[in-house]
Amino acid sequence: MARTKSLAAVVAIGAALTVSAAADAKRPRERHDASRGLDSLNQPVVQRTDYLLDLADNGGLSDADMSRLASWFDSLGLGYGDHVFADRGTSAGRHDVARVAADYGLLMSEGAPVLEGDVPMGAVRVIVSRTTASVPNCPNYDEQRGPSSTSSNYGCSVNSNLAAMIADPNDLVLGQAGSVYGDANTSSKAIRVYRQTAPTGTKGLTQVNTRGN
């Protein structure tokens, strides 16, 4: 009789453990690693690609090379957000590159990225630097939200929209240097307009005829 009760108790304990394990399996998993917190796991990733073209520079570019440069820009789909550099060459050659880039609404950027290989003698190297931003692995539903940690999909929407809308993805890495000078008139303009503008209700309500003619 005692053995029967003992077996029944063991079976009951086993069933309770099974139910507890099943409940734990359904419970959202909580992260306990370095990613735990309010920072989103999925951050924008900035990638830069440099394209280069060497052109003969004999005190300037020939008409054929300027046409070749324009065709190269067309093949790249040159546009806003791209940076154009002219490395080495003569001042006249760099000026010709700037003239072609101006047709695409772009100004020449100062300096030049450090790339492999030397610029050939008597040539100017045109470099187009293009930067893109994206958020890999989004949406991310690998983990559910735990009691004290955010979900793995947290931040995907905001960061993906930020990466898609930013004009220059380099700003996500380097930002923009602010001006050390401030204009008091500019900073106080919004406050002045707010204080001096008369409330809209001072002239009474506008009579609107909803019946048409």
N, C-alpha and C. Protein backbone atom coordinates (compact mmCIF):
# COMPACT_ATOMS: atom_id res chain seq x y z
N MET A 1 0.83 -1.20 0.00
CA MET A 1 0.00 0.00 0.00
C MET A 1 0.87 1.25 0.00
N ALA A 2 1.94 1.21 0.83
CA ALA A 2 2.86 2.35 0.90
C ALA A 2 3.54 2.56 -0.43
N ARG A 3 3.90 1.43 -1.12
CA ARG A 3 4.55 1.57 -2.42
C ARG A 3 3.60 2.20 -3.42
N THR A 4 2.32 1.85 -3.37
CA THR A 4 1.34 2.43 -4.29
C THR A 4 1.24 3.93 -4.10
N LYS A 5 1.24 4.38 -2.83
CA LYS A 5 1.18 5.82 -2.55
C LYS A 5 2.43 6.52 -3.03
N SER A 6 3.57 5.86 -2.86
CA SER A 6 4.82 6.48 -3.30
C SER A 6 4.85 6.64 -4.81
N LEU A 7 4.39 5.63 -5.54
CA LEU A 7 4.35 5.71 -6.99
C LEU A 7 3.39 6.81 -7.44
N ALA A 8 2.27 6.94 -6.75
CA ALA A 8 1.32 7.98 -7.10
C ALA A 8 1.91 9.37 -6.87
N ALA A 9 2.69 9.50 -5.79
CA ALA A 9 3.32 10.80 -5.51
C ALA A 9 4.35 11.14 -6.56
N VAL A 10 5.14 10.14 -7.00
CA VAL A 10 6.15 10.37 -8.03
C VAL A 10 5.50 10.79 -9.34
N VAL A 11 4.39 10.12 -9.69
CA VAL A 11 3.68 10.47 -10.92
C VAL A 11 3.13 11.88 -10.84
N ALA A 12 2.61 12.26 -9.68
CA ALA A 12 2.06 13.61 -9.52
C ALA A 12 3.16 14.65 -9.64
N ILE A 13 4.32 14.37 -9.02
CA ILE A 13 5.44 15.33 -9.11
C ILE A 13 5.91 15.44 -10.56
N GLY A 14 5.99 14.31 -11.28
CA GLY A 14 6.40 14.33 -12.68
C GLY A 14 5.44 15.13 -13.54
N ALA A 15 4.14 14.97 -13.31
CA ALA A 15 3.15 15.72 -14.08
C ALA A 15 3.27 17.22 -13.80
N ALA A 16 3.53 17.58 -12.53
CA ALA A 16 3.68 18.99 -12.17
C ALA A 16 4.90 19.58 -12.85
N LEU A 17 5.99 18.83 -12.89
CA LEU A 17 7.20 19.32 -13.55
C LEU A 17 6.98 19.50 -15.05
N THR A 18 6.20 18.57 -15.65
CA THR A 18 5.91 18.68 -17.08
C THR A 18 5.10 19.92 -17.39
N VAL A 19 4.09 20.19 -16.55
CA VAL A 19 3.26 21.38 -16.74
C VAL A 19 4.10 22.64 -16.57
N SER A 20 5.00 22.64 -15.56
CA SER A 20 5.86 23.80 -15.32
C SER A 20 6.81 24.04 -16.49
N ALA A 21 7.37 22.95 -17.05
CA ALA A 21 8.27 23.09 -18.19
C ALA A 21 7.54 23.62 -19.41
N ALA A 22 6.31 23.15 -19.62
CA ALA A 22 5.52 23.64 -20.76
C ALA A 22 5.20 25.13 -20.60
N ALA A 23 4.91 25.55 -19.36
CA ALA A 23 4.63 26.96 -19.12
C ALA A 23 5.87 27.82 -19.36
N ASP A 24 7.03 27.30 -18.93
CA ASP A 24 8.27 28.04 -19.16
C ASP A 24 8.59 28.17 -20.65
N ALA A 25 8.24 27.12 -21.42
CA ALA A 25 8.51 27.17 -22.86
C ALA A 25 7.67 28.23 -23.55
N LYS A 26 6.44 28.45 -23.06
CA LYS A 26 5.56 29.45 -23.66
C LYS A 26 5.87 30.87 -23.18
N ARG A 27 6.57 30.98 -22.05
CA ARG A 27 6.87 32.28 -21.49
C ARG A 27 7.90 32.99 -22.36
N PRO A 28 7.73 34.30 -22.63
CA PRO A 28 8.71 35.03 -23.45
C PRO A 28 10.10 34.94 -22.84
N ARG A 29 11.07 34.69 -23.69
CA ARG A 29 12.45 34.60 -23.23
C ARG A 29 13.01 35.98 -22.96
N GLU A 30 13.76 36.10 -21.92
CA GLU A 30 14.35 37.37 -21.53
C GLU A 30 15.85 37.32 -21.77
N ARG A 31 16.38 38.40 -22.35
CA ARG A 31 17.80 38.44 -22.62
C ARG A 31 18.56 38.84 -21.37
N HIS A 32 19.67 38.19 -21.14
CA HIS A 32 20.52 38.51 -20.00
C HIS A 32 21.94 38.81 -20.44
N ASP A 33 22.11 39.13 -21.74
CA ASP A 33 23.45 39.44 -22.23
C ASP A 33 23.61 40.94 -22.32
N ALA A 34 24.65 41.36 -23.05
CA ALA A 34 24.95 42.79 -23.13
C ALA A 34 23.88 43.58 -23.87
N SER A 35 23.03 42.90 -24.65
CA SER A 35 22.01 43.59 -25.43
C SER A 35 20.78 43.94 -24.60
N ARG A 36 20.75 43.48 -23.37
CA ARG A 36 19.59 43.76 -22.53
C ARG A 36 19.54 45.24 -22.18
N GLY A 37 18.40 45.87 -22.33
CA GLY A 37 18.25 47.28 -22.03
C GLY A 37 17.33 47.96 -23.01
N LEU A 38 17.41 49.29 -23.08
CA LEU A 38 16.53 50.07 -23.93
C LEU A 38 17.14 50.40 -25.29
N ASP A 39 18.40 50.07 -25.51
CA ASP A 39 19.01 50.27 -26.82
C ASP A 39 18.55 49.18 -27.78
N SER A 40 18.16 49.59 -29.00
CA SER A 40 17.70 48.60 -29.97
C SER A 40 18.88 47.78 -30.49
N LEU A 41 18.61 46.51 -30.74
CA LEU A 41 19.65 45.62 -31.26
C LEU A 41 20.00 45.95 -32.70
N ASN A 42 19.05 46.48 -33.45
CA ASN A 42 19.21 46.68 -34.90
C ASN A 42 19.52 48.15 -35.16
N GLN A 43 20.77 48.45 -35.43
CA GLN A 43 21.22 49.80 -35.67
C GLN A 43 21.57 50.00 -37.15
N PRO A 44 21.45 51.23 -37.66
CA PRO A 44 21.83 51.48 -39.06
C PRO A 44 23.30 51.15 -39.32
N VAL A 45 23.55 50.50 -40.43
CA VAL A 45 24.91 50.16 -40.85
C VAL A 45 25.24 51.02 -42.08
N VAL A 46 26.33 51.75 -42.01
CA VAL A 46 26.73 52.66 -43.09
C VAL A 46 27.85 51.99 -43.89
N GLN A 47 27.66 51.93 -45.20
CA GLN A 47 28.65 51.34 -46.09
C GLN A 47 29.04 52.35 -47.17
N ARG A 48 30.33 52.43 -47.45
CA ARG A 48 30.83 53.37 -48.45
C ARG A 48 31.49 52.60 -49.59
N THR A 49 31.17 53.04 -50.81
CA THR A 49 31.77 52.46 -52.01
C THR A 49 32.42 53.58 -52.82
N ASP A 50 33.65 53.37 -53.22
CA ASP A 50 34.39 54.36 -54.00
C ASP A 50 34.57 53.86 -55.43
N TYR A 51 34.23 54.70 -56.40
CA TYR A 51 34.43 54.40 -57.82
C TYR A 51 35.48 55.39 -58.35
N LEU A 52 36.37 54.91 -59.20
CA LEU A 52 37.42 55.80 -59.70
C LEU A 52 37.59 55.65 -61.21
N LEU A 53 38.05 56.75 -61.81
CA LEU A 53 38.31 56.79 -63.24
C LEU A 53 39.51 57.70 -63.47
N ASP A 54 40.53 57.20 -64.16
CA ASP A 54 41.71 57.98 -64.48
C ASP A 54 41.57 58.55 -65.89
N LEU A 55 41.80 59.86 -66.01
CA LEU A 55 41.69 60.54 -67.30
C LEU A 55 42.98 61.29 -67.58
N ALA A 56 43.33 61.35 -68.86
CA ALA A 56 44.53 62.08 -69.26
C ALA A 56 44.33 63.57 -69.00
N ASP A 57 45.35 64.18 -68.40
CA ASP A 57 45.27 65.59 -68.04
C ASP A 57 46.50 66.31 -68.62
N ASN A 58 46.32 66.88 -69.78
CA ASN A 58 47.38 67.65 -70.42
C ASN A 58 47.05 69.14 -70.31
N GLY A 59 47.12 69.64 -69.07
CA GLY A 59 46.70 71.02 -68.86
C GLY A 59 45.21 71.18 -68.99
N GLY A 60 44.45 70.13 -68.73
CA GLY A 60 43.01 70.14 -68.88
C GLY A 60 42.55 68.87 -69.58
N LEU A 61 41.26 68.62 -69.56
CA LEU A 61 40.70 67.43 -70.19
C LEU A 61 40.32 67.73 -71.63
N SER A 62 40.49 66.74 -72.47
CA SER A 62 40.06 66.88 -73.86
C SER A 62 38.54 66.75 -73.93
N ASP A 63 37.98 67.16 -75.06
CA ASP A 63 36.53 67.03 -75.24
C ASP A 63 36.09 65.58 -75.17
N ALA A 64 36.92 64.67 -75.69
CA ALA A 64 36.56 63.25 -75.66
C ALA A 64 36.53 62.74 -74.22
N ASP A 65 37.51 63.16 -73.38
CA ASP A 65 37.54 62.70 -72.00
C ASP A 65 36.42 63.33 -71.18
N MET A 66 36.06 64.56 -71.48
CA MET A 66 34.94 65.17 -70.77
C MET A 66 33.64 64.45 -71.12
N SER A 67 33.48 64.05 -72.37
CA SER A 67 32.30 63.26 -72.76
C SER A 67 32.33 61.89 -72.10
N ARG A 68 33.53 61.32 -72.01
CA ARG A 68 33.68 60.02 -71.34
C ARG A 68 33.34 60.13 -69.86
N LEU A 69 33.75 61.23 -69.23
CA LEU A 69 33.45 61.45 -67.82
C LEU A 69 31.95 61.59 -67.60
N ALA A 70 31.28 62.33 -68.48
CA ALA A 70 29.83 62.50 -68.35
C ALA A 70 29.11 61.16 -68.52
N SER A 71 29.58 60.33 -69.45
CA SER A 71 28.97 59.02 -69.64
C SER A 71 29.18 58.14 -68.41
N TRP A 72 30.34 58.27 -67.80
CA TRP A 72 30.63 57.50 -66.58
C TRP A 72 29.72 57.92 -65.44
N PHE A 73 29.52 59.23 -65.30
CA PHE A 73 28.60 59.73 -64.29
C PHE A 73 27.18 59.21 -64.54
N ASP A 74 26.78 59.18 -65.80
CA ASP A 74 25.45 58.66 -66.14
C ASP A 74 25.31 57.19 -65.76
N SER A 75 26.35 56.41 -66.01
CA SER A 75 26.29 54.98 -65.69
C SER A 75 26.20 54.74 -64.19
N LEU A 76 26.78 55.65 -63.40
CA LEU A 76 26.72 55.52 -61.94
C LEU A 76 25.42 56.07 -61.37
N GLY A 77 24.68 56.80 -62.19
CA GLY A 77 23.48 57.45 -61.67
C GLY A 77 23.83 58.52 -60.65
N LEU A 78 24.82 59.33 -60.97
CA LEU A 78 25.32 60.33 -60.04
C LEU A 78 24.20 61.27 -59.62
N GLY A 79 24.15 61.56 -58.33
CA GLY A 79 23.09 62.43 -57.84
C GLY A 79 23.39 62.93 -56.44
N TYR A 80 22.38 63.55 -55.86
CA TYR A 80 22.53 64.15 -54.53
C TYR A 80 22.93 63.08 -53.51
N GLY A 81 23.90 63.43 -52.66
CA GLY A 81 24.41 62.50 -51.66
C GLY A 81 25.74 61.89 -52.05
N ASP A 82 26.06 61.90 -53.36
CA ASP A 82 27.37 61.42 -53.81
C ASP A 82 28.41 62.52 -53.63
N HIS A 83 29.65 62.11 -53.43
CA HIS A 83 30.75 63.05 -53.29
C HIS A 83 31.75 62.80 -54.42
N VAL A 84 32.14 63.87 -55.10
CA VAL A 84 33.06 63.79 -56.24
C VAL A 84 34.38 64.42 -55.84
N PHE A 85 35.47 63.70 -56.07
CA PHE A 85 36.81 64.19 -55.76
C PHE A 85 37.66 64.13 -57.03
N ALA A 86 38.65 65.02 -57.09
CA ALA A 86 39.64 64.99 -58.15
C ALA A 86 41.02 64.90 -57.50
N ASP A 87 41.70 63.79 -57.70
CA ASP A 87 42.99 63.56 -57.07
C ASP A 87 44.12 63.80 -58.07
N ARG A 88 45.11 64.56 -57.65
CA ARG A 88 46.26 64.92 -58.47
C ARG A 88 45.80 65.69 -59.71
N GLY A 89 46.57 65.61 -60.77
CA GLY A 89 46.23 66.35 -61.98
C GLY A 89 46.55 67.83 -61.84
N THR A 90 46.31 68.57 -62.91
CA THR A 90 46.55 70.01 -62.92
C THR A 90 45.30 70.74 -62.43
N SER A 91 45.47 72.00 -62.09
CA SER A 91 44.32 72.80 -61.65
C SER A 91 43.28 72.92 -62.77
N ALA A 92 43.76 73.00 -64.03
CA ALA A 92 42.83 73.07 -65.15
C ALA A 92 42.05 71.76 -65.30
N GLY A 93 42.72 70.63 -65.09
CA GLY A 93 42.04 69.35 -65.17
C GLY A 93 41.00 69.19 -64.09
N ARG A 94 41.35 69.59 -62.86
CA ARG A 94 40.37 69.51 -61.77
C ARG A 94 39.19 70.46 -62.02
N HIS A 95 39.48 71.59 -62.62
CA HIS A 95 38.39 72.53 -62.95
C HIS A 95 37.44 71.92 -63.98
N ASP A 96 37.99 71.20 -64.96
CA ASP A 96 37.13 70.56 -65.96
C ASP A 96 36.26 69.48 -65.32
N VAL A 97 36.83 68.75 -64.37
CA VAL A 97 36.02 67.74 -63.65
C VAL A 97 34.89 68.43 -62.89
N ALA A 98 35.21 69.55 -62.26
CA ALA A 98 34.19 70.29 -61.51
C ALA A 98 33.09 70.79 -62.43
N ARG A 99 33.44 71.20 -63.67
CA ARG A 99 32.44 71.67 -64.62
C ARG A 99 31.46 70.55 -64.98
N VAL A 100 31.97 69.36 -65.20
CA VAL A 100 31.08 68.24 -65.54
C VAL A 100 30.22 67.87 -64.33
N ALA A 101 30.82 67.85 -63.11
CA ALA A 101 30.05 67.52 -61.92
C ALA A 101 28.96 68.54 -61.66
N ALA A 102 29.22 69.80 -62.03
CA ALA A 102 28.22 70.85 -61.82
C ALA A 102 26.97 70.61 -62.67
N ASP A 103 27.13 69.95 -63.81
CA ASP A 103 25.96 69.62 -64.63
C ASP A 103 25.01 68.67 -63.92
N TYR A 104 25.50 67.98 -62.90
CA TYR A 104 24.68 67.04 -62.12
C TYR A 104 24.28 67.63 -60.78
N GLY A 105 24.52 68.94 -60.62
CA GLY A 105 24.12 69.62 -59.39
C GLY A 105 25.02 69.35 -58.21
N LEU A 106 26.26 68.95 -58.47
CA LEU A 106 27.18 68.61 -57.37
C LEU A 106 28.40 69.52 -57.42
N LEU A 107 28.88 69.87 -56.23
CA LEU A 107 30.12 70.60 -56.09
C LEU A 107 31.24 69.62 -55.77
N MET A 108 32.44 69.97 -56.13
CA MET A 108 33.58 69.12 -55.83
C MET A 108 33.85 69.13 -54.33
N SER A 109 34.19 67.97 -53.81
CA SER A 109 34.56 67.85 -52.40
C SER A 109 36.07 68.01 -52.27
N GLU A 110 36.47 68.61 -51.18
CA GLU A 110 37.89 68.83 -50.97
C GLU A 110 38.58 67.55 -50.52
N GLY A 111 39.88 67.46 -50.84
CA GLY A 111 40.63 66.26 -50.48
C GLY A 111 40.29 65.11 -51.40
N ALA A 112 40.64 63.90 -50.96
CA ALA A 112 40.33 62.69 -51.73
C ALA A 112 40.51 61.49 -50.82
N PRO A 113 39.66 60.45 -50.97
CA PRO A 113 39.84 59.24 -50.17
C PRO A 113 41.17 58.56 -50.51
N VAL A 114 41.71 57.86 -49.52
CA VAL A 114 42.96 57.11 -49.72
C VAL A 114 42.59 55.75 -50.33
N LEU A 115 43.06 55.53 -51.57
CA LEU A 115 42.75 54.29 -52.29
C LEU A 115 44.05 53.59 -52.68
N GLU A 116 43.92 52.32 -53.06
CA GLU A 116 45.10 51.57 -53.49
C GLU A 116 45.53 52.02 -54.88
N GLY A 117 46.82 51.97 -55.11
CA GLY A 117 47.35 52.33 -56.43
C GLY A 117 47.64 53.81 -56.55
N ASP A 118 48.69 54.13 -57.28
CA ASP A 118 49.07 55.53 -57.50
C ASP A 118 48.39 56.09 -58.74
N VAL A 119 48.22 57.39 -58.74
CA VAL A 119 47.65 58.06 -59.91
C VAL A 119 48.72 58.10 -61.00
N PRO A 120 48.42 57.65 -62.21
CA PRO A 120 49.43 57.68 -63.29
C PRO A 120 49.92 59.10 -63.58
N MET A 121 51.14 59.19 -64.04
CA MET A 121 51.69 60.49 -64.41
C MET A 121 50.87 61.09 -65.56
N GLY A 122 50.64 62.40 -65.48
CA GLY A 122 49.88 63.09 -66.53
C GLY A 122 48.41 62.72 -66.54
N ALA A 123 47.87 62.36 -65.39
CA ALA A 123 46.46 61.98 -65.32
C ALA A 123 45.83 62.60 -64.08
N VAL A 124 44.54 62.72 -64.12
CA VAL A 124 43.75 63.14 -62.96
C VAL A 124 42.80 62.00 -62.63
N ARG A 125 42.73 61.67 -61.36
CA ARG A 125 41.86 60.57 -60.92
C ARG A 125 40.56 61.15 -60.38
N VAL A 126 39.45 60.76 -60.98
CA VAL A 126 38.12 61.18 -60.53
C VAL A 126 37.56 60.08 -59.64
N ILE A 127 37.14 60.44 -58.46
CA ILE A 127 36.63 59.49 -57.48
C ILE A 127 35.21 59.89 -57.11
N VAL A 128 34.31 58.95 -57.19
CA VAL A 128 32.93 59.13 -56.72
C VAL A 128 32.75 58.26 -55.49
N SER A 129 32.48 58.89 -54.38
CA SER A 129 32.28 58.19 -53.11
C SER A 129 30.79 58.17 -52.80
N ARG A 130 30.26 56.96 -52.67
CA ARG A 130 28.82 56.80 -52.42
C ARG A 130 28.62 56.03 -51.12
N THR A 131 27.79 56.58 -50.27
CA THR A 131 27.53 55.98 -48.96
C THR A 131 26.05 55.60 -48.86
N THR A 132 25.79 54.42 -48.36
CA THR A 132 24.42 53.95 -48.16
C THR A 132 24.24 53.51 -46.70
N ALA A 133 23.02 53.61 -46.23
CA ALA A 133 22.68 53.20 -44.87
C ALA A 133 21.51 52.23 -44.91
N SER A 134 21.59 51.20 -44.13
CA SER A 134 20.51 50.20 -44.05
C SER A 134 20.54 49.57 -42.67
N VAL A 135 19.47 48.88 -42.33
CA VAL A 135 19.38 48.19 -41.05
C VAL A 135 19.20 46.70 -41.34
N PRO A 136 20.27 45.92 -41.31
CA PRO A 136 20.15 44.49 -41.62
C PRO A 136 19.29 43.76 -40.59
N ASN A 137 18.73 42.65 -41.05
CA ASN A 137 17.97 41.75 -40.17
C ASN A 137 16.75 42.43 -39.56
N CYS A 138 16.10 43.27 -40.35
CA CYS A 138 14.87 43.89 -39.89
C CYS A 138 13.76 43.60 -40.90
N PRO A 139 12.56 43.23 -40.46
CA PRO A 139 12.15 43.04 -39.07
C PRO A 139 12.78 41.80 -38.45
N ASN A 140 12.87 41.82 -37.13
CA ASN A 140 13.55 40.76 -36.39
C ASN A 140 12.63 40.27 -35.27
N TYR A 141 12.07 39.09 -35.49
CA TYR A 141 11.17 38.51 -34.49
C TYR A 141 11.78 37.27 -33.86
N ASP A 142 13.10 37.24 -33.75
CA ASP A 142 13.77 36.06 -33.20
C ASP A 142 13.43 35.85 -31.74
N GLU A 143 13.28 36.93 -30.98
CA GLU A 143 12.99 36.81 -29.56
C GLU A 143 11.80 37.68 -29.21
N GLN A 144 11.01 37.20 -28.26
CA GLN A 144 9.88 37.96 -27.78
C GLN A 144 10.30 38.81 -26.57
N ARG A 145 9.45 39.74 -26.22
CA ARG A 145 9.78 40.63 -25.12
C ARG A 145 9.65 39.92 -23.78
N GLY A 146 10.65 40.05 -22.95
CA GLY A 146 10.64 39.49 -21.61
C GLY A 146 10.15 40.51 -20.60
N PRO A 147 10.10 40.14 -19.33
CA PRO A 147 9.58 41.06 -18.31
C PRO A 147 10.39 42.35 -18.19
N SER A 148 11.70 42.30 -18.42
CA SER A 148 12.52 43.49 -18.21
C SER A 148 13.51 43.71 -19.36
N SER A 149 13.15 43.31 -20.56
CA SER A 149 14.02 43.56 -21.72
C SER A 149 13.14 43.83 -22.93
N THR A 150 13.68 44.59 -23.88
CA THR A 150 12.93 44.91 -25.09
C THR A 150 12.98 43.74 -26.07
N SER A 151 12.08 43.76 -27.04
CA SER A 151 12.05 42.68 -28.02
C SER A 151 13.17 42.87 -29.03
N SER A 152 13.48 41.80 -29.75
CA SER A 152 14.53 41.87 -30.76
C SER A 152 14.13 42.75 -31.94
N ASN A 153 12.83 43.02 -32.10
CA ASN A 153 12.35 43.87 -33.19
C ASN A 153 12.28 45.34 -32.78
N TYR A 154 12.61 45.63 -31.54
CA TYR A 154 12.52 46.99 -31.03
C TYR A 154 13.48 47.90 -31.80
N GLY A 155 12.97 49.02 -32.31
CA GLY A 155 13.79 49.99 -33.03
C GLY A 155 13.89 49.76 -34.51
N CYS A 156 13.37 48.65 -35.02
CA CYS A 156 13.50 48.36 -36.45
C CYS A 156 12.81 49.42 -37.30
N SER A 157 11.61 49.81 -36.94
CA SER A 157 10.86 50.76 -37.75
C SER A 157 11.53 52.13 -37.76
N VAL A 158 11.87 52.65 -36.57
CA VAL A 158 12.46 53.98 -36.48
C VAL A 158 13.81 54.03 -37.18
N ASN A 159 14.67 53.06 -36.91
CA ASN A 159 16.00 53.07 -37.49
C ASN A 159 15.98 52.84 -39.00
N SER A 160 15.05 52.01 -39.48
CA SER A 160 14.96 51.78 -40.92
C SER A 160 14.49 53.04 -41.64
N ASN A 161 13.52 53.75 -41.06
CA ASN A 161 13.07 55.01 -41.66
C ASN A 161 14.17 56.06 -41.63
N LEU A 162 14.93 56.10 -40.53
CA LEU A 162 16.04 57.06 -40.45
C LEU A 162 17.08 56.78 -41.51
N ALA A 163 17.42 55.51 -41.71
CA ALA A 163 18.41 55.15 -42.72
C ALA A 163 17.92 55.46 -44.12
N ALA A 164 16.60 55.35 -44.35
CA ALA A 164 16.06 55.60 -45.69
C ALA A 164 15.93 57.08 -45.99
N MET A 165 15.71 57.91 -44.99
CA MET A 165 15.41 59.32 -45.23
C MET A 165 16.61 60.25 -45.12
N ILE A 166 17.67 59.82 -44.46
CA ILE A 166 18.79 60.74 -44.26
C ILE A 166 19.46 61.06 -45.59
N ALA A 167 19.74 62.34 -45.81
CA ALA A 167 20.30 62.78 -47.09
C ALA A 167 21.72 62.27 -47.28
N ASP A 168 22.54 62.41 -46.24
CA ASP A 168 23.93 61.97 -46.32
C ASP A 168 24.18 60.95 -45.21
N PRO A 169 24.25 59.66 -45.55
CA PRO A 169 24.45 58.65 -44.51
C PRO A 169 25.72 58.85 -43.68
N ASN A 170 26.69 59.62 -44.21
CA ASN A 170 27.88 59.90 -43.42
C ASN A 170 27.55 60.64 -42.13
N ASP A 171 26.43 61.36 -42.13
CA ASP A 171 26.05 62.09 -40.93
C ASP A 171 25.70 61.16 -39.78
N LEU A 172 25.33 59.91 -40.08
CA LEU A 172 25.07 58.95 -39.02
C LEU A 172 26.34 58.56 -38.28
N VAL A 173 27.48 58.75 -38.93
CA VAL A 173 28.76 58.39 -38.33
C VAL A 173 29.50 59.62 -37.82
N LEU A 174 29.58 60.65 -38.66
CA LEU A 174 30.40 61.82 -38.33
C LEU A 174 29.59 63.00 -37.83
N GLY A 175 28.32 63.08 -38.21
CA GLY A 175 27.52 64.23 -37.85
C GLY A 175 27.92 65.47 -38.64
N GLN A 176 27.40 66.60 -38.23
CA GLN A 176 27.72 67.88 -38.87
C GLN A 176 28.27 68.83 -37.82
N ALA A 177 29.35 69.51 -38.17
CA ALA A 177 29.95 70.47 -37.24
C ALA A 177 29.06 71.70 -37.15
N GLY A 178 28.73 72.10 -35.94
CA GLY A 178 27.92 73.28 -35.74
C GLY A 178 28.74 74.55 -35.82
N SER A 179 28.07 75.65 -36.00
CA SER A 179 28.74 76.94 -36.08
C SER A 179 29.03 77.46 -34.68
N VAL A 180 30.19 78.08 -34.51
CA VAL A 180 30.55 78.63 -33.20
C VAL A 180 29.93 80.00 -33.00
N TYR A 181 29.32 80.54 -34.04
CA TYR A 181 28.72 81.86 -33.95
C TYR A 181 27.20 81.72 -33.89
N GLY A 182 26.57 82.56 -33.09
CA GLY A 182 25.12 82.54 -32.97
C GLY A 182 24.53 83.90 -33.28
N ASP A 183 23.37 83.91 -33.90
CA ASP A 183 22.69 85.15 -34.24
C ASP A 183 21.50 85.29 -33.30
N ALA A 184 21.56 86.30 -32.45
CA ALA A 184 20.48 86.48 -31.47
C ALA A 184 19.15 86.76 -32.15
N ASN A 185 19.18 87.49 -33.28
CA ASN A 185 17.93 87.79 -33.98
C ASN A 185 17.28 86.53 -34.52
N THR A 186 18.11 85.62 -35.04
CA THR A 186 17.56 84.37 -35.57
C THR A 186 16.99 83.51 -34.46
N SER A 187 17.69 83.41 -33.35
CA SER A 187 17.23 82.55 -32.26
C SER A 187 15.98 83.09 -31.58
N SER A 188 15.80 84.41 -31.60
CA SER A 188 14.63 84.99 -30.92
C SER A 188 13.47 85.29 -31.87
N LYS A 189 13.63 84.96 -33.17
CA LYS A 189 12.60 85.29 -34.14
C LYS A 189 11.30 84.57 -33.83
N ALA A 190 11.37 83.27 -33.54
CA ALA A 190 10.15 82.50 -33.27
C ALA A 190 9.44 83.04 -32.05
N ILE A 191 10.19 83.42 -31.01
CA ILE A 191 9.56 83.96 -29.80
C ILE A 191 8.91 85.31 -30.10
N ARG A 192 9.58 86.14 -30.90
CA ARG A 192 9.04 87.47 -31.23
C ARG A 192 7.75 87.34 -32.03
N VAL A 193 7.72 86.42 -33.00
CA VAL A 193 6.51 86.22 -33.79
C VAL A 193 5.37 85.71 -32.91
N TYR A 194 5.68 84.81 -31.98
CA TYR A 194 4.66 84.27 -31.08
C TYR A 194 4.05 85.36 -30.20
N ARG A 195 4.89 86.28 -29.74
CA ARG A 195 4.41 87.33 -28.84
C ARG A 195 3.66 88.42 -29.57
N GLN A 196 4.06 88.74 -30.78
CA GLN A 196 3.48 89.88 -31.49
C GLN A 196 2.27 89.53 -32.34
N THR A 197 2.08 88.27 -32.67
CA THR A 197 0.94 87.88 -33.50
C THR A 197 -0.34 87.90 -32.68
N ALA A 198 -1.34 88.56 -33.20
CA ALA A 198 -2.62 88.65 -32.49
C ALA A 198 -3.33 87.31 -32.53
N PRO A 199 -4.04 86.94 -31.45
CA PRO A 199 -4.80 85.69 -31.45
C PRO A 199 -5.82 85.66 -32.58
N THR A 200 -6.05 84.51 -33.14
CA THR A 200 -6.98 84.40 -34.28
C THR A 200 -8.41 84.69 -33.88
N GLY A 201 -8.76 84.57 -32.61
CA GLY A 201 -10.14 84.78 -32.19
C GLY A 201 -10.53 86.22 -31.99
N THR A 202 -9.56 87.14 -32.11
CA THR A 202 -9.88 88.56 -31.87
C THR A 202 -10.78 89.15 -32.96
N LYS A 203 -10.77 88.58 -34.14
CA LYS A 203 -11.58 89.11 -35.25
C LYS A 203 -12.92 88.40 -35.37
N GLY A 204 -13.24 87.55 -34.44
CA GLY A 204 -14.50 86.85 -34.49
C GLY A 204 -14.45 85.66 -35.42
N LEU A 205 -15.54 84.94 -35.47
CA LEU A 205 -15.61 83.75 -36.29
C LEU A 205 -15.93 84.10 -37.74
N THR A 206 -15.37 83.38 -38.65
CA THR A 206 -15.62 83.60 -40.07
C THR A 206 -16.96 82.99 -40.47
N GLN A 207 -17.76 83.77 -41.18
CA GLN A 207 -19.05 83.28 -41.64
C GLN A 207 -18.84 82.43 -42.90
N VAL A 208 -19.28 81.19 -42.86
CA VAL A 208 -19.10 80.28 -43.97
C VAL A 208 -20.47 79.81 -44.43
N ASN A 209 -20.71 79.91 -45.75
CA ASN A 209 -21.98 79.45 -46.32
C ASN A 209 -21.79 78.02 -46.80
N THR A 210 -22.42 77.09 -46.15
CA THR A 210 -22.28 75.68 -46.50
C THR A 210 -23.29 75.22 -47.56
N ARG A 211 -24.17 76.13 -47.99
CA ARG A 211 -25.21 75.75 -48.94
C ARG A 211 -24.76 76.00 -50.38
N GLY A 212 -23.58 76.53 -50.59
CA GLY A 212 -23.16 76.83 -51.94
C GLY A 212 -23.67 78.16 -52.38
N ASN A 213 -24.25 78.23 -53.59
CA ASN A 213 -24.78 79.50 -54.12
C ASN A 213 -26.04 79.90 -53.38
